[in-house]
């Protein structure tokens, strides 16, 4: 989902893609809410809503921790930060 939005950034249809993505998220949450047993509806709905955002945050955290050395100074390439 994030890749599609990133790729289409500054294109003519970027707003439509964002709206369609939000619509798919709402539809997915509604479907999960509709098919779960009555006793567990709220818990599954929260999990279905939260997992994609938690995964995105974990991926971003992983990228920051693993690739944090990319921005250090490198005298060979003229990088004097």
Protein backbone atom coordinates (compact mmCIF):
# COMPACT_ATOMS: atom_id res chain seq x y z
CA UNK A 1 0.00 0.00 0.00
CA UNK A 2 2.75 2.42 0.95
CA UNK A 3 4.71 1.52 -2.18
CA UNK A 4 1.78 2.31 -4.48
CA UNK A 5 1.25 5.69 -2.85
CA UNK A 6 4.99 6.45 -3.00
CA UNK A 7 5.27 5.49 -6.66
CA UNK A 8 2.29 7.60 -7.70
CA UNK A 9 3.39 10.68 -5.75
CA UNK A 10 3.03 13.84 -7.87
CA UNK A 11 1.07 12.01 -10.55
CA UNK A 12 -2.30 13.19 -11.82
CA UNK A 13 -4.22 10.42 -10.07
CA UNK A 14 -2.47 10.51 -6.68
CA UNK A 15 -5.53 11.82 -4.80
CA UNK A 16 -7.77 9.17 -6.35
CA UNK A 17 -5.32 6.43 -5.36
CA UNK A 18 -5.18 7.70 -1.78
CA UNK A 19 -8.99 7.77 -1.62
CA UNK A 20 -9.20 4.26 -3.09
CA UNK A 21 -6.63 3.01 -0.56
CA UNK A 22 -8.58 4.47 2.35
CA UNK A 23 -11.76 2.92 0.94
CA UNK A 24 -10.08 -0.49 0.77
CA UNK A 25 -8.96 -0.16 4.41
CA UNK A 26 -12.49 0.72 5.52
CA UNK A 27 -13.97 -2.12 3.47
CA UNK A 28 -11.49 -4.61 4.91
CA UNK A 29 -12.28 -3.49 8.46
CA UNK A 30 -16.01 -3.71 7.80
CA UNK A 31 -15.66 -7.24 6.39
CA UNK A 32 -13.63 -8.40 9.40
CA UNK A 33 -16.22 -6.84 11.71
CA UNK A 34 -19.09 -8.54 9.85
CA UNK A 35 -17.71 -12.10 9.85
CA UNK A 36 -16.42 -12.29 13.43
CA UNK A 37 -18.53 -13.75 16.23
CA UNK A 38 -20.50 -11.22 18.24
CA UNK A 39 -18.42 -11.73 21.40
CA UNK A 40 -15.11 -11.00 19.67
CA UNK A 41 -16.12 -8.28 17.18
CA UNK A 42 -14.45 -5.33 18.85
CA UNK A 43 -11.14 -7.11 19.47
CA UNK A 44 -10.86 -8.40 15.88
CA UNK A 45 -11.86 -5.05 14.46
CA UNK A 46 -9.14 -3.32 16.48
CA UNK A 47 -6.56 -5.92 15.42
CA UNK A 48 -7.61 -5.66 11.75
CA UNK A 49 -7.28 -1.90 11.94
CA UNK A 50 -4.04 -1.73 13.92
CA UNK A 51 -1.88 -4.47 12.36
CA UNK A 52 -1.16 -2.70 9.03
CA UNK A 53 -0.12 0.48 10.83
CA UNK A 54 1.99 -1.38 13.37
CA UNK A 55 3.72 -3.32 10.58
CA UNK A 56 4.48 -0.11 8.71
CA UNK A 57 5.97 1.45 11.85
CA UNK A 58 8.09 -1.64 12.51
CA UNK A 59 9.38 -1.62 8.94
CA UNK A 60 10.30 2.06 9.20
CA UNK A 61 12.03 1.44 12.55
CA UNK A 62 13.95 -1.48 11.05
CA UNK A 63 15.08 0.68 8.12
CA UNK A 64 16.25 3.44 10.44
CA UNK A 65 18.17 1.05 12.69
CA UNK A 66 19.76 -1.00 9.90
CA UNK A 67 20.60 1.81 7.50
CA UNK A 68 21.58 4.49 10.03
CA UNK A 69 25.24 4.34 8.94
CA UNK A 70 24.41 5.50 5.40
CA UNK A 71 24.47 9.18 6.40
CA UNK A 72 27.87 9.27 8.10
CA UNK A 73 30.76 11.19 6.62
CA UNK A 74 32.85 9.50 3.97
CA UNK A 75 36.05 11.37 3.05
CA UNK A 76 36.59 9.23 -0.06
CA UNK A 77 33.37 10.49 -1.67
CA UNK A 78 33.73 14.09 -0.51
CA UNK A 79 31.02 13.73 2.12
CA UNK A 80 32.07 15.95 5.01
CA UNK A 81 28.95 15.91 7.18
